[in-house]
N, C-alpha and C. Protein backbone atom coordinates (compact mmCIF):
# COMPACT_ATOMS: atom_id res chain seq x y z
N UNK A 1 1.17 -9.81 25.51
CA UNK A 1 0.37 -9.75 24.31
C UNK A 1 0.26 -10.72 23.46
N UNK A 2 -1.45 -10.96 23.72
CA UNK A 2 -1.30 -12.17 22.50
C UNK A 2 -2.01 -12.21 20.91
N UNK A 3 -1.35 -12.78 20.44
CA UNK A 3 -1.86 -12.18 18.79
C UNK A 3 -3.15 -13.02 18.33
N UNK A 4 -3.43 -11.85 17.93
CA UNK A 4 -5.30 -12.49 17.37
C UNK A 4 -5.39 -13.10 16.31
N UNK A 5 -4.07 -13.70 15.62
CA UNK A 5 -4.45 -14.95 14.37
C UNK A 5 -3.77 -16.23 14.96
N UNK A 6 -3.38 -16.36 15.89
CA UNK A 6 -3.41 -17.79 16.93
C UNK A 6 -3.92 -17.92 17.62
N UNK A 7 -4.45 -19.65 17.54
CA UNK A 7 -5.66 -20.18 19.03
C UNK A 7 -4.54 -20.04 20.00
N UNK A 8 -5.34 -21.13 20.81
CA UNK A 8 -4.79 -21.77 22.23
C UNK A 8 -3.62 -22.59 21.83
N UNK A 9 -3.68 -23.31 20.58
CA UNK A 9 -2.95 -23.83 20.82
C UNK A 9 -1.58 -23.63 19.70
N UNK A 10 -1.67 -21.99 19.28
CA UNK A 10 -0.81 -21.94 18.11
C UNK A 10 -0.98 -21.95 17.15
N UNK A 11 -2.01 -22.32 16.72
CA UNK A 11 -2.12 -22.44 14.76
C UNK A 11 -3.13 -21.14 14.62
N UNK A 12 -2.44 -21.19 13.15
CA UNK A 12 -2.97 -19.22 12.23
C UNK A 12 -4.82 -19.64 12.41
N UNK A 13 -5.45 -18.65 12.61
CA UNK A 13 -6.74 -18.72 12.40
C UNK A 13 -7.29 -17.44 12.03
N UNK A 14 -8.19 -17.08 11.34
CA UNK A 14 -8.83 -16.15 10.84
C UNK A 14 -9.99 -15.31 12.16
N UNK A 15 -9.22 -14.14 12.49
CA UNK A 15 -10.05 -13.86 13.77
C UNK A 15 -11.50 -13.72 13.56
N UNK A 16 -12.49 -14.32 14.45
CA UNK A 16 -14.15 -14.03 14.75
C UNK A 16 -14.71 -12.57 14.82
N UNK A 17 -14.52 -12.08 13.78
CA UNK A 17 -15.47 -10.39 14.26
C UNK A 17 -17.07 -10.44 13.64
N UNK A 18 -17.65 -11.53 13.95
CA UNK A 18 -18.75 -11.46 13.31
C UNK A 18 -19.93 -10.46 14.49
N UNK A 19 -19.53 -10.91 15.99
CA UNK A 19 -20.32 -9.76 16.63
C UNK A 19 -19.85 -8.33 16.98
N UNK A 20 -18.43 -8.20 16.19
CA UNK A 20 -18.52 -6.74 16.15
C UNK A 20 -19.19 -5.92 15.50
N UNK A 21 -19.63 -4.36 15.73
CA UNK A 21 -20.45 -3.38 14.92
C UNK A 21 -19.50 -3.12 14.03
N UNK A 22 -20.76 -2.48 13.10
CA UNK A 22 -19.74 -1.96 11.72
C UNK A 22 -19.70 -0.82 12.11
N UNK A 23 -18.81 -0.03 11.79
CA UNK A 23 -17.93 1.37 12.43
C UNK A 23 -17.65 1.90 11.01
N UNK A 24 -17.22 3.20 11.00
CA UNK A 24 -16.55 3.76 9.49
C UNK A 24 -15.31 3.75 10.15
N UNK A 25 -14.05 3.24 9.04
CA UNK A 25 -12.87 2.79 9.29
C UNK A 25 -12.12 3.44 8.14
N UNK A 26 -11.00 4.27 8.50
CA UNK A 26 -10.11 4.72 7.40
C UNK A 26 -8.84 4.06 7.89
N UNK A 27 -7.79 3.99 6.54
CA UNK A 27 -6.29 3.85 6.52
C UNK A 27 -5.24 4.51 5.58
N UNK A 28 -4.74 4.68 6.53
CA UNK A 28 -3.20 5.03 4.91
C UNK A 28 -1.86 4.83 5.48
N UNK A 29 -1.26 4.34 4.42
CA UNK A 29 -0.02 3.57 4.66
C UNK A 29 1.07 4.46 3.59
N UNK A 30 2.43 4.64 3.59
CA UNK A 30 3.08 5.33 2.61
C UNK A 30 4.28 4.51 2.27
N UNK A 31 5.21 4.37 1.64
CA UNK A 31 6.32 3.53 1.10
C UNK A 31 7.05 4.42 0.07
N UNK A 32 8.23 3.85 -0.37
CA UNK A 32 9.00 4.69 -1.70
C UNK A 32 9.45 3.54 -2.39
N UNK A 33 9.57 4.12 -3.67
CA UNK A 33 10.73 3.00 -4.65
C UNK A 33 11.76 4.27 -5.16
N UNK A 34 13.15 3.66 -4.62
CA UNK A 34 14.20 4.35 -4.98
C UNK A 34 14.35 4.31 -6.76
N UNK A 35 15.39 5.09 -7.62
CA UNK A 35 15.74 4.50 -8.63
C UNK A 35 16.79 6.00 -8.84
N UNK A 36 17.31 5.78 -10.04
CA UNK A 36 18.06 6.29 -10.79
C UNK A 36 17.41 8.01 -11.29
N UNK A 37 18.73 9.09 -11.18
CA UNK A 37 17.37 9.65 -11.69
C UNK A 37 17.22 10.17 -13.05
N UNK A 38 17.76 9.48 -13.86
CA UNK A 38 17.29 8.96 -15.17
C UNK A 38 16.12 8.45 -14.86
N UNK A 39 16.12 7.95 -14.47
CA UNK A 39 14.29 6.61 -14.61
C UNK A 39 13.43 8.04 -14.13
N UNK A 40 13.09 8.47 -13.16
CA UNK A 40 12.35 9.36 -12.52
C UNK A 40 12.35 10.38 -13.96
N UNK A 41 12.95 10.66 -14.24
CA UNK A 41 12.81 11.32 -15.50
C UNK A 41 12.25 11.13 -16.49
N UNK A 42 12.18 9.43 -16.99
CA UNK A 42 11.77 8.96 -17.71
C UNK A 42 10.50 9.12 -17.80
N UNK A 43 9.82 8.63 -16.60
CA UNK A 43 8.68 9.03 -15.49
C UNK A 43 8.27 10.14 -15.77
N UNK A 44 8.77 11.47 -15.82
CA UNK A 44 8.07 12.57 -15.64
C UNK A 44 7.63 12.91 -17.20
N UNK A 45 8.60 12.34 -17.74
CA UNK A 45 8.60 12.85 -19.80
C UNK A 45 7.54 12.04 -19.99
N UNK A 46 7.12 11.10 -19.51
CA UNK A 46 6.18 9.85 -20.47
C UNK A 46 6.91 9.21 -21.24
N UNK A 47 8.16 8.55 -20.81
CA UNK A 47 8.99 8.14 -22.03
C UNK A 47 8.87 6.50 -21.78
N UNK A 48 8.31 5.94 -21.11
CA UNK A 48 8.42 4.51 -20.78
C UNK A 48 7.49 3.58 -21.82
N UNK A 49 8.94 2.69 -22.66
CA UNK A 49 8.34 1.89 -23.31
C UNK A 49 6.66 1.19 -23.01
N UNK A 50 6.57 0.87 -21.95
CA UNK A 50 5.34 0.57 -21.39
C UNK A 50 4.04 1.53 -21.54
N UNK A 51 4.27 2.64 -21.38
CA UNK A 51 3.37 3.79 -21.31
C UNK A 51 3.56 4.53 -19.82
N UNK A 52 1.89 4.81 -19.63
CA UNK A 52 2.19 6.10 -18.63
C UNK A 52 2.50 5.34 -16.83
N UNK A 53 3.30 5.06 -16.70
CA UNK A 53 3.91 4.68 -15.33
C UNK A 53 2.83 4.85 -14.41
N UNK A 54 2.68 5.95 -13.70
CA UNK A 54 1.72 6.52 -12.73
C UNK A 54 0.46 6.26 -12.66
N UNK A 55 0.01 6.17 -13.96
CA UNK A 55 -1.95 5.61 -14.20
C UNK A 55 -1.63 4.40 -13.98
N UNK A 56 -0.70 3.67 -14.68
CA UNK A 56 -0.59 2.09 -14.48
C UNK A 56 -0.54 1.66 -12.97
N UNK A 57 0.52 2.67 -12.41
CA UNK A 57 0.85 1.91 -11.02
C UNK A 57 -0.87 2.67 -9.63
N UNK A 58 -1.78 3.53 -9.97
CA UNK A 58 -2.38 3.86 -9.53
C UNK A 58 -3.18 2.81 -9.59
N UNK A 59 -3.90 2.62 -10.63
CA UNK A 59 -5.19 1.51 -11.63
C UNK A 59 -4.48 0.07 -10.31
N UNK A 60 -3.70 0.08 -10.37
CA UNK A 60 -2.70 -1.39 -9.89
C UNK A 60 -2.78 -1.38 -7.80
N UNK A 61 -2.47 -0.26 -7.62
CA UNK A 61 -2.89 0.01 -6.44
C UNK A 61 -4.24 0.01 -5.94
N UNK A 62 -5.37 0.26 -6.31
CA UNK A 62 -6.92 0.09 -6.09
C UNK A 62 -7.17 -1.35 -6.52
N UNK A 63 -6.82 -1.95 -7.52
CA UNK A 63 -7.04 -3.19 -7.75
C UNK A 63 -6.51 -4.10 -6.22
N UNK A 64 -5.45 -3.47 -5.99
CA UNK A 64 -4.90 -4.49 -5.25
C UNK A 64 -5.38 -4.68 -3.88
N UNK A 65 -6.18 -2.94 -3.65
CA UNK A 65 -6.55 -2.77 -2.30
C UNK A 65 -7.93 -4.01 -2.08
N UNK A 66 -8.45 -3.80 -2.86
CA UNK A 66 -9.82 -4.43 -3.49
C UNK A 66 -9.49 -5.74 -3.49
N UNK A 67 -8.74 -6.85 -3.69
CA UNK A 67 -8.13 -8.31 -3.49
C UNK A 67 -7.61 -8.72 -2.36
N UNK A 68 -7.39 -7.39 -1.54
CA UNK A 68 -6.38 -8.13 -0.44
C UNK A 68 -6.76 -9.49 0.42
N UNK A 69 -8.46 -9.56 0.32
CA UNK A 69 -8.34 -11.07 1.17
C UNK A 69 -8.24 -12.13 0.57
N UNK A 70 -8.07 -11.87 -0.98
CA UNK A 70 -7.22 -12.99 -1.77
C UNK A 70 -5.96 -13.01 -1.45
N UNK A 71 -4.89 -12.33 -1.03
CA UNK A 71 -3.42 -12.29 -1.47
C UNK A 71 -3.35 -12.63 0.34
N UNK A 72 -3.81 -11.86 1.19
CA UNK A 72 -3.01 -12.07 2.65
C UNK A 72 -4.19 -12.97 3.72
N UNK A 73 -3.61 -14.31 4.00
CA UNK A 73 -4.29 -15.79 4.03
C UNK A 73 -5.56 -15.06 5.28
N UNK A 74 -5.31 -14.29 6.19
CA UNK A 74 -6.10 -14.34 7.11
C UNK A 74 -6.93 -12.84 7.06
N UNK A 75 -6.90 -12.14 6.03
CA UNK A 75 -7.93 -11.08 5.99
C UNK A 75 -9.60 -11.43 6.02
N UNK A 76 -9.99 -10.43 6.16
CA UNK A 76 -11.05 -10.50 5.94
C UNK A 76 -12.03 -9.60 5.09
N UNK A 77 -12.64 -9.98 3.96
CA UNK A 77 -13.17 -9.23 2.59
C UNK A 77 -13.73 -8.33 3.03
N UNK A 78 -13.40 -7.01 2.76
CA UNK A 78 -14.07 -5.60 3.18
C UNK A 78 -14.49 -5.52 1.99
N UNK A 79 -16.22 -4.31 2.36
CA UNK A 79 -16.52 -3.83 1.57
C UNK A 79 -16.19 -2.07 1.53
N UNK A 80 -14.98 -1.42 0.11
CA UNK A 80 -14.26 -1.03 0.52
C UNK A 80 -14.99 0.31 -0.12
N UNK A 81 -15.20 1.69 0.61
CA UNK A 81 -15.69 2.73 -0.09
C UNK A 81 -15.34 4.08 -0.62
N UNK A 82 -13.64 3.52 -0.56
CA UNK A 82 -13.14 4.89 -1.15
C UNK A 82 -11.61 3.90 -0.69
N UNK A 83 -11.05 4.27 -2.00
CA UNK A 83 -9.54 3.98 -2.76
C UNK A 83 -8.78 4.60 -2.86
N UNK A 84 -7.79 5.69 -2.48
CA UNK A 84 -6.94 6.65 -3.37
C UNK A 84 -5.53 6.31 -3.22
N UNK A 85 -4.59 6.70 -4.13
CA UNK A 85 -3.22 6.43 -4.50
C UNK A 85 -2.60 7.39 -5.37
N UNK A 86 -1.86 7.93 -4.83
CA UNK A 86 -1.26 9.10 -5.03
C UNK A 86 0.34 9.04 -4.72
N UNK A 87 0.82 10.14 -6.20
CA UNK A 87 2.01 9.69 -5.99
C UNK A 87 3.20 11.40 -5.87
N UNK A 88 4.48 11.48 -5.23
CA UNK A 88 5.10 12.16 -5.52
C UNK A 88 6.52 12.19 -5.93
N UNK A 89 6.76 13.04 -6.78
CA UNK A 89 8.28 12.91 -7.75
C UNK A 89 9.22 13.31 -6.44
N UNK A 90 10.44 12.89 -6.02
CA UNK A 90 11.18 12.99 -5.53
C UNK A 90 12.72 13.19 -6.19
N UNK A 91 13.28 14.51 -5.76
CA UNK A 91 14.71 14.76 -6.14
C UNK A 91 15.71 13.61 -5.95
N UNK A 92 16.51 13.82 -6.61
CA UNK A 92 18.11 13.12 -6.16
C UNK A 92 18.21 13.40 -4.80
N UNK A 93 18.57 12.83 -3.80
CA UNK A 93 19.02 12.88 -2.14
C UNK A 93 19.90 12.00 -2.02
N UNK A 94 20.92 12.80 -1.31
CA UNK A 94 22.47 12.82 -1.18
C UNK A 94 22.22 12.05 0.42
N UNK A 95 23.02 10.46 0.54
CA UNK A 95 24.70 10.32 0.16
C UNK A 95 24.52 9.87 -1.14
N UNK A 96 23.44 8.91 -1.78
CA UNK A 96 23.49 7.56 -2.40
C UNK A 96 23.01 8.42 -3.73
N UNK A 97 22.20 9.41 -4.10
CA UNK A 97 22.14 10.31 -5.11
C UNK A 97 21.14 9.66 -5.90
N UNK A 98 20.11 8.93 -4.88
CA UNK A 98 18.45 8.43 -6.12
C UNK A 98 17.46 9.28 -5.91
N UNK A 99 16.22 9.08 -6.74
CA UNK A 99 15.36 9.57 -6.86
C UNK A 99 15.06 8.73 -6.19
N UNK A 100 13.09 9.13 -6.07
CA UNK A 100 12.19 8.52 -5.19
C UNK A 100 10.80 8.94 -6.17
N UNK A 101 9.83 8.20 -6.09
CA UNK A 101 8.57 7.94 -6.16
C UNK A 101 7.93 7.57 -4.96
N UNK A 102 7.55 8.64 -4.18
CA UNK A 102 6.80 8.29 -2.83
C UNK A 102 5.08 7.86 -3.07
N UNK A 103 4.42 6.76 -2.39
CA UNK A 103 3.34 6.24 -2.75
C UNK A 103 2.81 6.46 -1.93
N UNK A 104 1.40 7.02 -1.56
CA UNK A 104 0.44 6.79 -0.59
C UNK A 104 -1.09 6.34 -0.84
N UNK A 105 -1.59 5.63 -0.03
CA UNK A 105 -2.80 5.37 -0.04
C UNK A 105 -3.26 5.34 1.14
N UNK A 106 -4.99 5.97 0.61
CA UNK A 106 -6.00 5.80 1.88
C UNK A 106 -7.11 5.24 1.38
N UNK A 107 -7.66 4.11 2.48
CA UNK A 107 -9.17 2.89 2.02
C UNK A 107 -9.58 3.59 3.38
N UNK A 108 -11.22 3.75 2.77
CA UNK A 108 -11.99 3.95 3.88
C UNK A 108 -13.48 3.00 3.85
N UNK A 109 -13.81 2.24 4.66
CA UNK A 109 -14.90 1.83 4.97
C UNK A 109 -15.71 1.85 5.96
N UNK A 110 -17.04 0.79 5.54
CA UNK A 110 -17.79 0.46 7.17
C UNK A 110 -17.35 -0.61 7.45
N UNK A 111 -17.12 -1.55 8.48
CA UNK A 111 -17.46 -3.01 8.39
C UNK A 111 -16.63 -2.92 10.00
N UNK A 112 -17.09 -4.52 10.01
CA UNK A 112 -15.88 -5.19 11.51
C UNK A 112 -14.34 -4.90 11.54
N UNK A 113 -14.08 -4.97 10.90
CA UNK A 113 -12.16 -4.77 10.68
C UNK A 113 -11.53 -3.74 9.86
N UNK A 114 -10.80 -3.39 10.52
CA UNK A 114 -9.97 -2.23 9.88
C UNK A 114 -9.44 -2.62 8.29
N UNK A 115 -9.32 -1.16 7.86
CA UNK A 115 -8.73 -1.72 6.46
C UNK A 115 -6.89 -0.99 6.33
N UNK A 116 -6.06 -1.59 7.32
CA UNK A 116 -5.05 -1.42 7.41
C UNK A 116 -4.15 -2.03 6.22
N UNK A 117 -4.85 -3.35 6.26
CA UNK A 117 -3.71 -3.99 4.71
C UNK A 117 -4.21 -4.17 3.98
N UNK A 118 -5.07 -3.70 3.79
CA UNK A 118 -5.73 -2.85 2.50
C UNK A 118 -4.83 -1.65 1.68
N UNK A 119 -4.64 -0.45 2.53
CA UNK A 119 -3.79 0.47 2.72
C UNK A 119 -2.71 0.10 2.18
N UNK A 120 -1.76 -1.03 2.83
CA UNK A 120 -0.44 -1.17 2.87
C UNK A 120 -0.65 -2.41 1.61
N UNK A 121 -0.80 -2.93 1.34
CA UNK A 121 -1.21 -3.74 -0.29
C UNK A 121 -1.44 -2.81 -1.32
N UNK A 122 -2.09 -1.47 -1.72
CA UNK A 122 -2.11 -0.84 -2.30
C UNK A 122 -0.91 -0.33 -2.67
N UNK A 123 -0.10 0.42 -1.29
CA UNK A 123 1.49 0.81 -1.87
C UNK A 123 2.13 0.18 -2.20
N UNK A 124 2.38 -0.74 -1.80
CA UNK A 124 3.25 -2.15 -2.27
C UNK A 124 3.11 -2.57 -3.60
N UNK A 125 1.55 -2.89 -3.72
CA UNK A 125 1.87 -2.98 -5.18
C UNK A 125 1.63 -2.02 -6.18
N UNK A 126 1.45 -0.92 -5.80
CA UNK A 126 1.76 0.41 -6.84
C UNK A 126 2.98 0.37 -7.03
N UNK A 127 4.12 -0.10 -5.70
CA UNK A 127 5.57 0.42 -6.05
C UNK A 127 5.88 -0.55 -6.68
N UNK A 128 5.25 -2.07 -6.83
CA UNK A 128 5.87 -2.94 -7.82
C UNK A 128 5.74 -3.07 -9.32
N UNK A 129 4.16 -2.24 -9.07
CA UNK A 129 4.29 -1.96 -10.41
C UNK A 129 5.17 -1.17 -11.30
N UNK A 130 5.42 0.23 -10.59
CA UNK A 130 6.60 0.92 -10.95
C UNK A 130 7.44 0.41 -11.37
N UNK A 131 7.85 -0.73 -10.47
CA UNK A 131 9.48 -1.57 -10.81
C UNK A 131 9.05 -2.01 -12.09
N UNK A 132 8.04 -2.80 -12.09
CA UNK A 132 7.55 -3.81 -13.13
C UNK A 132 7.44 -2.60 -14.71
N UNK A 133 6.95 -1.61 -14.93
CA UNK A 133 7.13 -0.12 -15.62
C UNK A 133 8.63 0.15 -16.30
N UNK A 134 9.39 -0.26 -15.02
CA UNK A 134 10.48 0.53 -15.70
C UNK A 134 11.90 -0.40 -15.28
N UNK A 135 11.48 -1.43 -15.30
CA UNK A 135 12.69 -1.99 -15.15
C UNK A 135 13.67 -2.36 -15.98
N UNK A 136 13.25 -2.33 -17.31
CA UNK A 136 13.68 -2.25 -18.76
C UNK A 136 15.10 -1.32 -18.72
N UNK A 137 14.77 -0.38 -17.94
CA UNK A 137 15.76 0.81 -17.56
C UNK A 137 16.76 1.01 -16.37
N UNK A 138 16.10 0.56 -15.39
CA UNK A 138 16.82 0.02 -14.14
C UNK A 138 16.35 -0.55 -13.32
N UNK A 139 17.25 -1.86 -13.26
CA UNK A 139 16.66 -2.95 -12.53
C UNK A 139 17.23 -3.13 -10.95
N UNK A 140 17.74 -1.74 -11.20
CA UNK A 140 18.59 -1.58 -9.29
C UNK A 140 17.45 -1.02 -8.07
N UNK A 141 16.15 -0.31 -9.08
CA UNK A 141 14.94 0.50 -8.07
C UNK A 141 14.98 -0.93 -6.88
N UNK A 142 14.79 -0.21 -5.58
CA UNK A 142 14.30 -0.77 -4.76
C UNK A 142 12.90 -0.14 -3.91
N UNK A 143 12.02 -1.07 -3.74
CA UNK A 143 10.52 -1.02 -3.00
C UNK A 143 11.32 -0.60 -1.41
N UNK A 144 10.96 1.00 -0.88
CA UNK A 144 11.37 0.74 0.81
C UNK A 144 10.14 1.78 1.69
N UNK A 145 10.37 1.31 2.81
CA UNK A 145 9.62 1.71 3.95
C UNK A 145 7.89 1.64 3.94
N UNK A 146 7.51 0.80 3.30
CA UNK A 146 6.29 0.34 3.08
C UNK A 146 5.72 0.45 4.66
N UNK A 147 4.99 1.30 5.10
CA UNK A 147 4.48 1.41 6.84
C UNK A 147 3.17 1.96 6.40
N UNK A 148 2.18 1.69 7.91
CA UNK A 148 1.13 2.37 7.82
C UNK A 148 1.12 3.09 8.95
N UNK A 149 0.74 4.55 8.33
CA UNK A 149 1.10 5.73 9.16
C UNK A 149 -0.20 6.22 9.40
N UNK A 150 -1.77 5.91 9.30
CA UNK A 150 -2.47 6.48 10.47
C UNK A 150 -3.72 5.21 10.30
N UNK A 151 -4.11 4.96 11.10
CA UNK A 151 -5.71 4.30 10.94
C UNK A 151 -6.57 5.03 12.19
N UNK A 152 -7.77 4.83 12.30
CA UNK A 152 -9.18 5.65 12.58
C UNK A 152 -9.94 4.36 12.56
N UNK A 153 -10.76 4.78 13.63
CA UNK A 153 -12.29 3.55 13.95
C UNK A 153 -12.12 2.19 14.64
N UNK A 154 -13.20 1.64 14.77
CA UNK A 154 -12.55 0.40 15.53
C UNK A 154 -12.66 0.56 16.97
N UNK A 155 -12.87 -0.36 17.61
CA UNK A 155 -12.68 -0.49 19.01
C UNK A 155 -11.22 0.10 19.51
N UNK A 156 -10.60 -0.17 19.36
CA UNK A 156 -8.85 0.55 19.11
C UNK A 156 -8.90 2.23 18.98
N UNK A 157 -9.76 2.72 18.06
CA UNK A 157 -9.72 4.32 17.84
C UNK A 157 -8.46 4.00 16.89
N UNK A 158 -7.81 5.80 16.86
CA UNK A 158 -7.10 6.52 16.04
C UNK A 158 -6.21 5.96 16.45
N UNK A 159 -5.01 5.69 15.70
CA UNK A 159 -3.58 5.21 15.58
C UNK A 159 -2.64 6.48 14.10
N UNK A 160 -1.51 6.92 15.10
CA UNK A 160 -0.80 7.99 14.17
C UNK A 160 0.48 7.43 14.36
N UNK A 161 1.47 7.47 13.09
CA UNK A 161 2.42 6.48 12.96
C UNK A 161 3.77 7.61 12.33
N UNK A 162 2.73 8.54 11.75
CA UNK A 162 3.97 9.98 11.56
C UNK A 162 3.76 11.12 12.09
């Protein structure tokens, strides 16, 4: 299998999508940030000194999806029609006894290339924002399992990862 972002000499390149038709595309990604149960309780209670953690993280995820082509060198700029970022608060689980915030993002557009990177970037930046908002009380938080879970549209059609 040949990597599309390498030319015949192995140099990085941006893929030419100029001849591809515009088609509806959608991508969904997920990830989670692990934390102490006390940190999750503060998020739930609105007790973080920097403010509403999940509201800020949601806006950060949306902004990140819109700026993905500025962050990832070979990404094409896309005109995004929809971006959603949602959270699920998960109670402590054994064996580590850590709580978590599950992050989900979905991105839709009509374009020549997919929105997978935008969905993944939204999840990653939302998670990093949660870390930033909560680091004063829990520097041991961990961003985990950022992954694509679904994509549809384009020549390759639908892919489901979970």
